[in-house]
PDB file of N, CA and C in Angstrom:
ATOM      1  N   MET A   1       0.814  -1.182   0.000  1.00  0.00           N
ATOM      2  CA  MET A   1       0.000   0.000   0.000  1.00  0.00           C
ATOM      3  C   MET A   1       0.871   1.264   0.000  1.00  0.00           C
ATOM      4  N   VAL A   2       1.917   1.259   0.807  1.00  0.00           N
ATOM      5  CA  VAL A   2       2.811   2.418   0.871  1.00  0.00           C
ATOM      6  C   VAL A   2       3.459   2.644  -0.489  1.00  0.00           C
ATOM      7  N   ASN A   3       3.896   1.563  -1.124  1.00  0.00           N
ATOM      8  CA  ASN A   3       4.525   1.691  -2.439  1.00  0.00           C
ATOM      9  C   ASN A   3       3.558   2.272  -3.461  1.00  0.00           C
ATOM     10  N   PHE A   4       2.301   1.855  -3.410  1.00  0.00           N
ATOM     11  CA  PHE A   4       1.293   2.372  -4.330  1.00  0.00           C
ATOM     12  C   PHE A   4       1.092   3.871  -4.135  1.00  0.00           C
ATOM     13  N   ILE A   5       0.959   4.303  -2.888  1.00  0.00           N
ATOM     14  CA  ILE A   5       0.738   5.721  -2.606  1.00  0.00           C
ATOM     15  C   ILE A   5       1.952   6.540  -3.024  1.00  0.00           C
ATOM     16  N   GLU A   6       3.142   6.025  -2.713  1.00  0.00           N
ATOM     17  CA  GLU A   6       4.358   6.742  -3.078  1.00  0.00           C
ATOM     18  C   GLU A   6       4.462   6.875  -4.594  1.00  0.00           C
ATOM     19  N   GLU A   7       4.148   5.800  -5.321  1.00  0.00           N
ATOM     20  CA  GLU A   7       4.181   5.839  -6.778  1.00  0.00           C
ATOM     21  C   GLU A   7       3.158   6.831  -7.316  1.00  0.00           C
ATOM     22  N   LEU A   8       1.992   6.855  -6.706  1.00  0.00           N
ATOM     23  CA  LEU A   8       0.943   7.782  -7.111  1.00  0.00           C
ATOM     24  C   LEU A   8       1.390   9.226  -6.930  1.00  0.00           C
ATOM     25  N   VAL A   9       1.981   9.531  -5.795  1.00  0.00           N
ATOM     26  CA  VAL A   9       2.397  10.904  -5.497  1.00  0.00           C
ATOM     27  C   VAL A   9       3.550  11.325  -6.395  1.00  0.00           C
ATOM     28  N   VAL A  10       4.573  10.490  -6.468  1.00  0.00           N
ATOM     29  CA  VAL A  10       5.771  10.852  -7.218  1.00  0.00           C
ATOM     30  C   VAL A  10       5.540  10.756  -8.719  1.00  0.00           C
ATOM     31  N   GLY A  11       4.818   9.730  -9.149  1.00  0.00           N
ATOM     32  CA  GLY A  11       4.668   9.482 -10.569  1.00  0.00           C
ATOM     33  C   GLY A  11       3.656  10.343 -11.282  1.00  0.00           C
ATOM     34  N   SER A  12       2.632  10.795 -10.591  1.00  0.00           N
ATOM     35  CA  SER A  12       1.550  11.485 -11.289  1.00  0.00           C
ATOM     36  C   SER A  12       1.612  12.998 -11.194  1.00  0.00           C
ATOM     37  N   THR A  13       2.585  13.520 -10.488  1.00  0.00           N
ATOM     38  CA  THR A  13       2.656  14.970 -10.345  1.00  0.00           C
ATOM     39  C   THR A  13       4.011  15.470 -10.806  1.00  0.00           C
ATOM     40  N   PRO A  14       4.038  16.623 -11.445  1.00  0.00           N
ATOM     41  CA  PRO A  14       5.328  17.173 -11.867  1.00  0.00           C
ATOM     42  C   PRO A  14       6.162  17.567 -10.651  1.00  0.00           C
ATOM     43  N   ALA A  15       7.341  17.012 -10.568  1.00  0.00           N
ATOM     44  CA  ALA A  15       8.304  17.300  -9.494  1.00  0.00           C
ATOM     45  C   ALA A  15       7.717  17.031  -8.113  1.00  0.00           C
ATOM     46  N   GLY A  16       6.749  16.115  -8.021  1.00  0.00           N
ATOM     47  CA  GLY A  16       6.185  15.759  -6.728  1.00  0.00           C
ATOM     48  C   GLY A  16       5.337  16.844  -6.097  1.00  0.00           C
ATOM     49  N   ARG A  17       4.965  17.876  -6.862  1.00  0.00           N
ATOM     50  CA  ARG A  17       4.150  18.972  -6.319  1.00  0.00           C
ATOM     51  C   ARG A  17       2.684  18.576  -6.378  1.00  0.00           C
ATOM     52  N   LEU A  18       1.997  18.715  -5.276  1.00  0.00           N
ATOM     53  CA  LEU A  18       0.593  18.355  -5.188  1.00  0.00           C
ATOM     54  C   LEU A  18      -0.256  19.592  -4.957  1.00  0.00           C
ATOM     55  N   THR A  19      -1.501  19.512  -5.395  1.00  0.00           N
ATOM     56  CA  THR A  19      -2.432  20.587  -5.089  1.00  0.00           C
ATOM     57  C   THR A  19      -2.838  20.464  -3.628  1.00  0.00           C
ATOM     58  N   VAL A  20      -3.494  21.469  -3.126  1.00  0.00           N
ATOM     59  CA  VAL A  20      -3.952  21.451  -1.736  1.00  0.00           C
ATOM     60  C   VAL A  20      -4.917  20.287  -1.521  1.00  0.00           C
ATOM     61  N   GLN A  21      -5.816  20.067  -2.464  1.00  0.00           N
ATOM     62  CA  GLN A  21      -6.782  18.977  -2.331  1.00  0.00           C
ATOM     63  C   GLN A  21      -6.085  17.624  -2.325  1.00  0.00           C
ATOM     64  N   GLU A  22      -5.077  17.444  -3.170  1.00  0.00           N
ATOM     65  CA  GLU A  22      -4.337  16.182  -3.202  1.00  0.00           C
ATOM     66  C   GLU A  22      -3.578  15.955  -1.900  1.00  0.00           C
ATOM     67  N   ARG A  23      -2.969  16.997  -1.375  1.00  0.00           N
ATOM     68  CA  ARG A  23      -2.253  16.861  -0.102  1.00  0.00           C
ATOM     69  C   ARG A  23      -3.214  16.512   1.027  1.00  0.00           C
ATOM     70  N   ASN A  24      -4.365  17.160   1.046  1.00  0.00           N
ATOM     71  CA  ASN A  24      -5.353  16.864   2.086  1.00  0.00           C
ATOM     72  C   ASN A  24      -5.859  15.434   1.969  1.00  0.00           C
ATOM     73  N   LEU A  25      -6.104  14.986   0.742  1.00  0.00           N
ATOM     74  CA  LEU A  25      -6.569  13.618   0.533  1.00  0.00           C
ATOM     75  C   LEU A  25      -5.523  12.612   1.008  1.00  0.00           C
ATOM     76  N   LEU A  26      -4.270  12.846   0.695  1.00  0.00           N
ATOM     77  CA  LEU A  26      -3.217  11.939   1.144  1.00  0.00           C
ATOM     78  C   LEU A  26      -3.048  11.963   2.654  1.00  0.00           C
ATOM     79  N   SER A  27      -3.275  13.098   3.277  1.00  0.00           N
ATOM     80  CA  SER A  27      -3.230  13.154   4.743  1.00  0.00           C
ATOM     81  C   SER A  27      -4.310  12.277   5.348  1.00  0.00           C
ATOM     82  N   VAL A  28      -5.495  12.323   4.771  1.00  0.00           N
ATOM     83  CA  VAL A  28      -6.597  11.491   5.260  1.00  0.00           C
ATOM     84  C   VAL A  28      -6.281  10.014   5.037  1.00  0.00           C
ATOM     85  N   VAL A  29      -5.722   9.689   3.881  1.00  0.00           N
ATOM     86  CA  VAL A  29      -5.349   8.298   3.595  1.00  0.00           C
ATOM     87  C   VAL A  29      -4.335   7.802   4.625  1.00  0.00           C
ATOM     88  N   CYS A  30      -3.316   8.594   4.889  1.00  0.00           N
ATOM     89  CA  CYS A  30      -2.301   8.201   5.876  1.00  0.00           C
ATOM     90  C   CYS A  30      -2.934   8.007   7.252  1.00  0.00           C
ATOM     91  N   LYS A  31      -3.778   8.935   7.668  1.00  0.00           N
ATOM     92  CA  LYS A  31      -4.422   8.831   8.974  1.00  0.00           C
ATOM     93  C   LYS A  31      -5.270   7.575   9.070  1.00  0.00           C
ATOM     94  N   ASN A  32      -6.052   7.301   8.050  1.00  0.00           N
ATOM     95  CA  ASN A  32      -6.921   6.122   8.076  1.00  0.00           C
ATOM     96  C   ASN A  32      -6.129   4.826   8.075  1.00  0.00           C
ATOM     97  N   MET A  33      -5.069   4.774   7.290  1.00  0.00           N
ATOM     98  CA  MET A  33      -4.263   3.552   7.229  1.00  0.00           C
ATOM     99  C   MET A  33      -3.540   3.313   8.548  1.00  0.00           C
ATOM    100  N   ILE A  34      -2.997   4.361   9.144  1.00  0.00           N
ATOM    101  CA  ILE A  34      -2.313   4.211  10.433  1.00  0.00           C
ATOM    102  C   ILE A  34      -3.311   3.799  11.510  1.00  0.00           C
ATOM    103  N   SER A  35      -4.518   4.370  11.469  1.00  0.00           N
ATOM    104  CA  SER A  35      -5.546   4.003  12.453  1.00  0.00           C
ATOM    105  C   SER A  35      -5.920   2.533  12.345  1.00  0.00           C
ATOM    106  N   SER A  36      -6.064   2.029  11.124  1.00  0.00           N
ATOM    107  CA  SER A  36      -6.428   0.623  10.971  1.00  0.00           C
ATOM    108  C   SER A  36      -5.297  -0.297  11.421  1.00  0.00           C
ATOM    109  N   LEU A  37      -4.052   0.087  11.143  1.00  0.00           N
ATOM    110  CA  LEU A  37      -2.927  -0.722  11.618  1.00  0.00           C
ATOM    111  C   LEU A  37      -2.823  -0.691  13.137  1.00  0.00           C
ATOM    112  N   LEU A  38      -3.101   0.455  13.729  1.00  0.00           N
ATOM    113  CA  LEU A  38      -3.077   0.556  15.180  1.00  0.00           C
ATOM    114  C   LEU A  38      -4.162  -0.331  15.807  1.00  0.00           C
ATOM    115  N   ALA A  39      -5.336  -0.349  15.201  1.00  0.00           N
ATOM    116  CA  ALA A  39      -6.415  -1.215  15.694  1.00  0.00           C
ATOM    117  C   ALA A  39      -6.010  -2.682  15.573  1.00  0.00           C
ATOM    118  N   ALA A  40      -5.389  -3.049  14.452  1.00  0.00           N
ATOM    119  CA  ALA A  40      -4.928  -4.430  14.276  1.00  0.00           C
ATOM    120  C   ALA A  40      -3.879  -4.779  15.320  1.00  0.00           C
ATOM    121  N   TRP A  41      -2.962  -3.841  15.584  1.00  0.00           N
ATOM    122  CA  TRP A  41      -1.914  -4.089  16.580  1.00  0.00           C
ATOM    123  C   TRP A  41      -2.528  -4.310  17.962  1.00  0.00           C
ATOM    124  N   ARG A  42      -3.528  -3.506  18.309  1.00  0.00           N
ATOM    125  CA  ARG A  42      -4.185  -3.656  19.616  1.00  0.00           C
ATOM    126  C   ARG A  42      -4.839  -5.027  19.748  1.00  0.00           C
ATOM    127  N   ILE A  43      -5.522  -5.469  18.698  1.00  0.00           N
ATOM    128  CA  ILE A  43      -6.189  -6.771  18.734  1.00  0.00           C
ATOM    129  C   ILE A  43      -5.169  -7.890  18.867  1.00  0.00           C
ATOM    130  N   VAL A  44      -4.114  -7.828  18.058  1.00  0.00           N
ATOM    131  CA  VAL A  44      -3.088  -8.871  18.102  1.00  0.00           C
ATOM    132  C   VAL A  44      -2.392  -8.880  19.463  1.00  0.00           C
ATOM    133  N   SER A  45      -2.108  -7.714  20.015  1.00  0.00           N
ATOM    134  CA  SER A  45      -1.470  -7.647  21.334  1.00  0.00           C
ATOM    135  C   SER A  45      -2.374  -8.222  22.417  1.00  0.00           C
ATOM    136  N   SER A  46      -3.673  -7.961  22.298  1.00  0.00           N
ATOM    137  CA  SER A  46      -4.628  -8.510  23.262  1.00  0.00           C
ATOM    138  C   SER A  46      -4.657 -10.038  23.189  1.00  0.00           C
ATOM    139  N   ILE A  47      -4.681 -10.563  21.965  1.00  0.00           N
ATOM    140  CA  ILE A  47      -4.654 -12.020  21.787  1.00  0.00           C
ATOM    141  C   ILE A  47      -3.359 -12.598  22.349  1.00  0.00           C
ATOM    142  N   GLU A  48      -2.253 -11.909  22.103  1.00  0.00           N
ATOM    143  CA  GLU A  48      -0.957 -12.374  22.616  1.00  0.00           C
ATOM    144  C   GLU A  48      -0.973 -12.451  24.143  1.00  0.00           C
ATOM    145  N   GLN A  49      -1.478 -11.420  24.785  1.00  0.00           N
ATOM    146  CA  GLN A  49      -1.536 -11.416  26.253  1.00  0.00           C
ATOM    147  C   GLN A  49      -2.406 -12.549  26.791  1.00  0.00           C
ATOM    148  N   LYS A  50      -3.533 -12.799  26.134  1.00  0.00           N
ATOM    149  CA  LYS A  50      -4.410 -13.893  26.572  1.00  0.00           C
ATOM    150  C   LYS A  50      -3.725 -15.244  26.432  1.00  0.00           C
ATOM    151  N   GLU A  51      -3.019 -15.429  25.317  1.00  0.00           N
ATOM    152  CA  GLU A  51      -2.361 -16.711  25.091  1.00  0.00           C
ATOM    153  C   GLU A  51      -1.161 -16.901  26.028  1.00  0.00           C
ATOM    154  N   VAL A  52      -0.502 -15.816  26.369  1.00  0.00           N
ATOM    155  CA  VAL A  52       0.603 -15.902  27.335  1.00  0.00           C
ATOM    156  C   VAL A  52       0.048 -16.305  28.699  1.00  0.00           C
ATOM    157  N   SER A  53      -1.084 -15.713  29.084  1.00  0.00           N
ATOM    158  CA  SER A  53      -1.669 -16.056  30.384  1.00  0.00           C
ATOM    159  C   SER A  53      -2.184 -17.502  30.404  1.00  0.00           C
ATOM    160  N   ARG A  54      -2.584 -18.006  29.243  1.00  0.00           N
ATOM    161  CA  ARG A  54      -3.033 -19.401  29.149  1.00  0.00           C
ATOM    162  C   ARG A  54      -1.861 -20.374  28.986  1.00  0.00           C
ATOM    163  N   LYS A  55      -0.660 -19.808  28.811  1.00  0.00           N
ATOM    164  CA  LYS A  55       0.569 -20.594  28.615  1.00  0.00           C
ATOM    165  C   LYS A  55       0.494 -21.488  27.369  1.00  0.00           C
ATOM    166  N   ASN A  56      -0.071 -20.920  26.328  1.00  0.00           N
ATOM    167  CA  ASN A  56      -0.184 -21.616  25.050  1.00  0.00           C
ATOM    168  C   ASN A  56       0.962 -21.142  24.148  1.00  0.00           C
ATOM    169  N   GLU A  57       2.121 -21.734  24.325  1.00  0.00           N
ATOM    170  CA  GLU A  57       3.344 -21.270  23.665  1.00  0.00           C
ATOM    171  C   GLU A  57       3.290 -21.359  22.140  1.00  0.00           C
ATOM    172  N   ASP A  58       2.596 -22.357  21.614  1.00  0.00           N
ATOM    173  CA  ASP A  58       2.515 -22.488  20.150  1.00  0.00           C
ATOM    174  C   ASP A  58       1.831 -21.280  19.516  1.00  0.00           C
ATOM    175  N   LEU A  59       0.711 -20.880  20.099  1.00  0.00           N
ATOM    176  CA  LEU A  59       0.002 -19.715  19.570  1.00  0.00           C
ATOM    177  C   LEU A  59       0.743 -18.415  19.863  1.00  0.00           C
ATOM    178  N   VAL A  60       1.427 -18.361  20.996  1.00  0.00           N
ATOM    179  CA  VAL A  60       2.175 -17.150  21.342  1.00  0.00           C
ATOM    180  C   VAL A  60       3.231 -16.864  20.276  1.00  0.00           C
ATOM    181  N   VAL A  61       3.900 -17.889  19.817  1.00  0.00           N
ATOM    182  CA  VAL A  61       4.923 -17.717  18.782  1.00  0.00           C
ATOM    183  C   VAL A  61       4.297 -17.195  17.499  1.00  0.00           C
ATOM    184  N   LEU A  62       3.177 -17.771  17.095  1.00  0.00           N
ATOM    185  CA  LEU A  62       2.494 -17.317  15.873  1.00  0.00           C
ATOM    186  C   LEU A  62       2.007 -15.879  16.000  1.00  0.00           C
ATOM    187  N   VAL A  63       1.429 -15.548  17.134  1.00  0.00           N
ATOM    188  CA  VAL A  63       0.897 -14.204  17.338  1.00  0.00           C
ATOM    189  C   VAL A  63       2.026 -13.179  17.384  1.00  0.00           C
ATOM    190  N   LYS A  64       3.137 -13.511  18.038  1.00  0.00           N
ATOM    191  CA  LYS A  64       4.284 -12.592  18.075  1.00  0.00           C
ATOM    192  C   LYS A  64       4.831 -12.343  16.673  1.00  0.00           C
ATOM    193  N   ASP A  65       4.872 -13.385  15.870  1.00  0.00           N
ATOM    194  CA  ASP A  65       5.336 -13.238  14.494  1.00  0.00           C
ATOM    195  C   ASP A  65       4.415 -12.299  13.713  1.00  0.00           C
ATOM    196  N   TYR A  66       3.121 -12.513  13.863  1.00  0.00           N
ATOM    197  CA  TYR A  66       2.159 -11.658  13.163  1.00  0.00           C
ATOM    198  C   TYR A  66       2.229 -10.220  13.678  1.00  0.00           C
ATOM    199  N   ARG A  67       2.382 -10.054  14.992  1.00  0.00           N
ATOM    200  CA  ARG A  67       2.491  -8.707  15.566  1.00  0.00           C
ATOM    201  C   ARG A  67       3.702  -7.977  15.004  1.00  0.00           C
ATOM    202  N   SER A  68       4.806  -8.695  14.834  1.00  0.00           N
ATOM    203  CA  SER A  68       6.006  -8.053  14.277  1.00  0.00           C
ATOM    204  C   SER A  68       5.773  -7.620  12.829  1.00  0.00           C
ATOM    205  N   LYS A  69       4.978  -8.386  12.074  1.00  0.00           N
ATOM    206  CA  LYS A  69       4.639  -7.984  10.698  1.00  0.00           C
ATOM    207  C   LYS A  69       3.784  -6.720  10.703  1.00  0.00           C
ATOM    208  N   VAL A  70       2.812  -6.669  11.595  1.00  0.00           N
ATOM    209  CA  VAL A  70       1.963  -5.472  11.698  1.00  0.00           C
ATOM    210  C   VAL A  70       2.814  -4.268  12.090  1.00  0.00           C
ATOM    211  N   GLU A  71       3.731  -4.453  13.027  1.00  0.00           N
ATOM    212  CA  GLU A  71       4.595  -3.354  13.464  1.00  0.00           C
ATOM    213  C   GLU A  71       5.503  -2.870  12.339  1.00  0.00           C
ATOM    214  N   SER A  72       6.033  -3.795  11.533  1.00  0.00           N
ATOM    215  CA  SER A  72       6.912  -3.367  10.436  1.00  0.00           C
ATOM    216  C   SER A  72       6.124  -2.606   9.377  1.00  0.00           C
ATOM    217  N   ARG A  73       4.894  -3.033   9.095  1.00  0.00           N
ATOM    218  CA  ARG A  73       4.051  -2.282   8.159  1.00  0.00           C
ATOM    219  C   ARG A  73       3.738  -0.902   8.707  1.00  0.00           C
ATOM    220  N   ASP A  74       3.470  -0.854   9.998  1.00  0.00           N
ATOM    221  CA  ASP A  74       3.168   0.424  10.632  1.00  0.00           C
ATOM    222  C   ASP A  74       4.371   1.367  10.560  1.00  0.00           C
ATOM    223  N   ARG A  75       5.564   0.823  10.822  1.00  0.00           N
ATOM    224  CA  ARG A  75       6.778   1.654  10.744  1.00  0.00           C
ATOM    225  C   ARG A  75       6.984   2.188   9.331  1.00  0.00           C
ATOM    226  N   ALA A  76       6.786   1.335   8.333  1.00  0.00           N
ATOM    227  CA  ALA A  76       6.962   1.771   6.944  1.00  0.00           C
ATOM    228  C   ALA A  76       5.947   2.850   6.581  1.00  0.00           C
ATOM    229  N   LEU A  77       4.705   2.647   6.963  1.00  0.00           N
ATOM    230  CA  LEU A  77       3.666   3.615   6.652  1.00  0.00           C
ATOM    231  C   LEU A  77       3.873   4.918   7.410  1.00  0.00           C
ATOM    232  N   THR A  78       4.225   4.816   8.673  1.00  0.00           N
ATOM    233  CA  THR A  78       4.464   6.011   9.473  1.00  0.00           C
ATOM    234  C   THR A  78       5.636   6.806   8.908  1.00  0.00           C
ATOM    235  N   GLY A  79       6.692   6.107   8.496  1.00  0.00           N
ATOM    236  CA  GLY A  79       7.837   6.791   7.879  1.00  0.00           C
ATOM    237  C   GLY A  79       7.447   7.506   6.608  1.00  0.00           C
ATOM    238  N   PHE A  80       6.659   6.835   5.771  1.00  0.00           N
ATOM    239  CA  PHE A  80       6.206   7.470   4.533  1.00  0.00           C
ATOM    240  C   PHE A  80       5.361   8.700   4.836  1.00  0.00           C
ATOM    241  N   CYS A  81       4.400   8.543   5.767  1.00  0.00           N
ATOM    242  CA  CYS A  81       3.515   9.664   6.093  1.00  0.00           C
ATOM    243  C   CYS A  81       4.289  10.824   6.700  1.00  0.00           C
ATOM    244  N   TRP A  82       5.276  10.502   7.528  1.00  0.00           N
ATOM    245  CA  TRP A  82       6.109  11.559   8.113  1.00  0.00           C
ATOM    246  C   TRP A  82       6.864  12.299   7.008  1.00  0.00           C
ATOM    247  N   ASP A  83       7.477  11.571   6.096  1.00  0.00           N
ATOM    248  CA  ASP A  83       8.189  12.198   4.984  1.00  0.00           C
ATOM    249  C   ASP A  83       7.235  13.039   4.143  1.00  0.00           C
ATOM    250  N   PHE A  84       6.034  12.508   3.928  1.00  0.00           N
ATOM    251  CA  PHE A  84       5.031  13.233   3.153  1.00  0.00           C
ATOM    252  C   PHE A  84       4.660  14.542   3.840  1.00  0.00           C
ATOM    253  N   GLU A  85       4.445  14.504   5.154  1.00  0.00           N
ATOM    254  CA  GLU A  85       4.077  15.718   5.880  1.00  0.00           C
ATOM    255  C   GLU A  85       5.210  16.743   5.879  1.00  0.00           C
ATOM    256  N   VAL A  86       6.445  16.281   6.022  1.00  0.00           N
ATOM    257  CA  VAL A  86       7.591  17.200   5.962  1.00  0.00           C
ATOM    258  C   VAL A  86       7.654  17.850   4.583  1.00  0.00           C
ATOM    259  N   ALA A  87       7.477  17.041   3.536  1.00  0.00           N
ATOM    260  CA  ALA A  87       7.483  17.592   2.180  1.00  0.00           C
ATOM    261  C   ALA A  87       6.320  18.561   1.991  1.00  0.00           C
ATOM    262  N   ARG A  88       5.193  18.243   2.606  1.00  0.00           N
ATOM    263  CA  ARG A  88       4.024  19.119   2.516  1.00  0.00           C
ATOM    264  C   ARG A  88       4.318  20.472   3.158  1.00  0.00           C
ATOM    265  N   LEU A  89       4.960  20.451   4.321  1.00  0.00           N
ATOM    266  CA  LEU A  89       5.305  21.704   4.984  1.00  0.00           C
ATOM    267  C   LEU A  89       6.323  22.500   4.178  1.00  0.00           C
ATOM    268  N   GLU A  90       7.313  21.785   3.628  1.00  0.00           N
ATOM    269  CA  GLU A  90       8.308  22.470   2.804  1.00  0.00           C
ATOM    270  C   GLU A  90       7.654  23.072   1.569  1.00  0.00           C
ATOM    271  N   SER A  91       6.721  22.329   0.962  1.00  0.00           N
ATOM    272  CA  SER A  91       6.020  22.812  -0.215  1.00  0.00           C
ATOM    273  C   SER A  91       5.180  24.039   0.119  1.00  0.00           C
ATOM    274  N   SER A  92       4.523  24.003   1.269  1.00  0.00           N
ATOM    275  CA  SER A  92       3.717  25.152   1.688  1.00  0.00           C
ATOM    276  C   SER A  92       4.596  26.377   1.891  1.00  0.00           C
ATOM    277  N   ALA A  93       5.745  26.173   2.509  1.00  0.00           N
ATOM    278  CA  ALA A  93       6.669  27.286   2.724  1.00  0.00           C
ATOM    279  C   ALA A  93       7.159  27.819   1.384  1.00  0.00           C
ATOM    280  N   PHE A  94       7.434  26.910   0.441  1.00  0.00           N
ATOM    281  CA  PHE A  94       7.884  27.322  -0.881  1.00  0.00           C
ATOM    282  C   PHE A  94       6.791  28.113  -1.586  1.00  0.00           C
ATOM    283  N   ASP A  95       5.537  27.645  -1.485  1.00  0.00           N
ATOM    284  CA  ASP A  95       4.419  28.332  -2.119  1.00  0.00           C
ATOM    285  C   ASP A  95       4.246  29.736  -1.564  1.00  0.00           C
ATOM    286  N   VAL A  96       4.363  29.882  -0.255  1.00  0.00           N
ATOM    287  CA  VAL A  96       4.226  31.199   0.365  1.00  0.00           C
ATOM    288  C   VAL A  96       5.346  32.119  -0.111  1.00  0.00           C
ATOM    289  N   ASN A  97       6.573  31.613  -0.107  1.00  0.00           N
ATOM    290  CA  ASN A  97       7.713  32.407  -0.564  1.00  0.00           C
ATOM    291  C   ASN A  97       7.531  32.810  -2.022  1.00  0.00           C
ATOM    292  N   GLU A  98       7.033  31.881  -2.830  1.00  0.00           N
ATOM    293  CA  GLU A  98       6.799  32.151  -4.247  1.00  0.00           C
ATOM    294  C   GLU A  98       5.752  33.257  -4.413  1.00  0.00           C
ATOM    295  N   ARG A  99       4.683  33.196  -3.616  1.00  0.00           N
ATOM    296  CA  ARG A  99       3.631  34.214  -3.689  1.00  0.00           C
ATOM    297  C   ARG A  99       4.147  35.587  -3.260  1.00  0.00           C
ATOM    298  N   VAL A 100       4.950  35.605  -2.195  1.00  0.00           N
ATOM    299  CA  VAL A 100       5.499  36.878  -1.716  1.00  0.00           C
ATOM    300  C   VAL A 100       6.382  37.494  -2.798  1.00  0.00           C
ATOM    301  N   GLU A 101       7.239  36.671  -3.394  1.00  0.00           N
ATOM    302  CA  GLU A 101       8.101  37.178  -4.461  1.00  0.00           C
ATOM    303  C   GLU A 101       7.278  37.688  -5.636  1.00  0.00           C
ATOM    304  N   SER A 102       6.185  36.995  -5.955  1.00  0.00           N
ATOM    305  CA  SER A 102       5.322  37.409  -7.057  1.00  0.00           C
ATOM    306  C   SER A 102       4.697  38.772  -6.783  1.00  0.00           C
ATOM    307  N   VAL A 103       4.182  38.956  -5.574  1.00  0.00           N
ATOM    308  CA  VAL A 103       3.557  40.235  -5.213  1.00  0.00           C
ATOM    309  C   VAL A 103       4.597  41.343  -5.217  1.00  0.00           C
ATOM    310  N   LEU A 104       5.777  41.068  -4.660  1.00  0.00           N
ATOM    311  CA  LEU A 104       6.821  42.088  -4.635  1.00  0.00           C
ATOM    312  C   LEU A 104       7.289  42.452  -6.038  1.00  0.00           C
ATOM    313  N   SER A 105       7.381  41.451  -6.909  1.00  0.00           N
ATOM    314  CA  SER A 105       7.840  41.751  -8.266  1.00  0.00           C
ATOM    315  C   SER A 105       6.800  42.569  -9.030  1.00  0.00           C
ATOM    316  N   GLU A 106       5.536  42.364  -8.718  1.00  0.00           N
ATOM    317  CA  GLU A 106       4.480  43.169  -9.358  1.00  0.00           C
ATOM    318  C   GLU A 106       4.615  44.648  -8.978  1.00  0.00           C
ATOM    319  N   HIS A 107       5.108  44.889  -7.786  1.00  0.00           N
ATOM    320  CA  HIS A 107       5.253  46.264  -7.305  1.00  0.00           C
ATOM    321  C   HIS A 107       6.666  46.789  -7.488  1.00  0.00           C
ATOM    322  N   GLY A 108       7.526  46.013  -8.158  1.00  0.00           N
ATOM    323  CA  GLY A 108       8.886  46.447  -8.412  1.00  0.00           C
ATOM    324  C   GLY A 108       9.786  46.438  -7.189  1.00  0.00           C
ATOM    325  N   GLU A 109       9.463  45.672  -6.187  1.00  0.00           N
ATOM    326  CA  GLU A 109      10.220  45.682  -4.946  1.00  0.00           C
ATOM    327  C   GLU A 109      10.958  44.357  -4.711  1.00  0.00           C
ATOM    328  N   ALA A 110      11.103  43.534  -5.724  1.00  0.00           N
ATOM    329  CA  ALA A 110      11.656  42.196  -5.539  1.00  0.00           C
ATOM    330  C   ALA A 110      13.178  42.189  -5.442  1.00  0.00           C
ATOM    331  N   GLU A 111      13.842  43.253  -5.866  1.00  0.00           N
ATOM    332  CA  GLU A 111      15.296  43.238  -5.808  1.00  0.00           C
ATOM    333  C   GLU A 111      15.786  43.182  -4.383  1.00  0.00           C
ATOM    334  N   GLY A 112      16.702  42.292  -4.130  1.00  0.00           N
ATOM    335  CA  GLY A 112      17.276  42.167  -2.819  1.00  0.00           C
ATOM    336  C   GLY A 112      16.443  41.308  -1.872  1.00  0.00           C
ATOM    337  N   PHE A 113      15.343  40.776  -2.354  1.00  0.00           N
ATOM    338  CA  PHE A 113      14.503  39.920  -1.508  1.00  0.00           C
ATOM    339  C   PHE A 113      15.096  38.526  -1.444  1.00  0.00           C
ATOM    340  N   GLU A 114      15.358  38.045  -0.265  1.00  0.00           N
ATOM    341  CA  GLU A 114      15.933  36.705  -0.066  1.00  0.00           C
ATOM    342  C   GLU A 114      14.994  35.903   0.771  1.00  0.00           C
TER     343      GLU A 114
END
């Protein structure tokens, strides 16, 4: 899923620049995906605790393995979403700077603006 979203963002937009609506949509996608993984992690952890208390070692091993898979997916998704949000903030800052320069250049005051 992370690879699909990353391909969508990078592949379908010039230089990875997204519109405000696209950025908002991707933020919602990231939030929903992380929420579902967190819910899965909670369920798996609950099952693990029950099986540990029952001393059912065979199931504990299987559940721990599955929990580690959920955690690795969560880490990958969280990393992608974090990178996306950082890029979003940088893009917003770039857009604001671009607008300021545009307004200043319209008024002939852009020289020396850094």
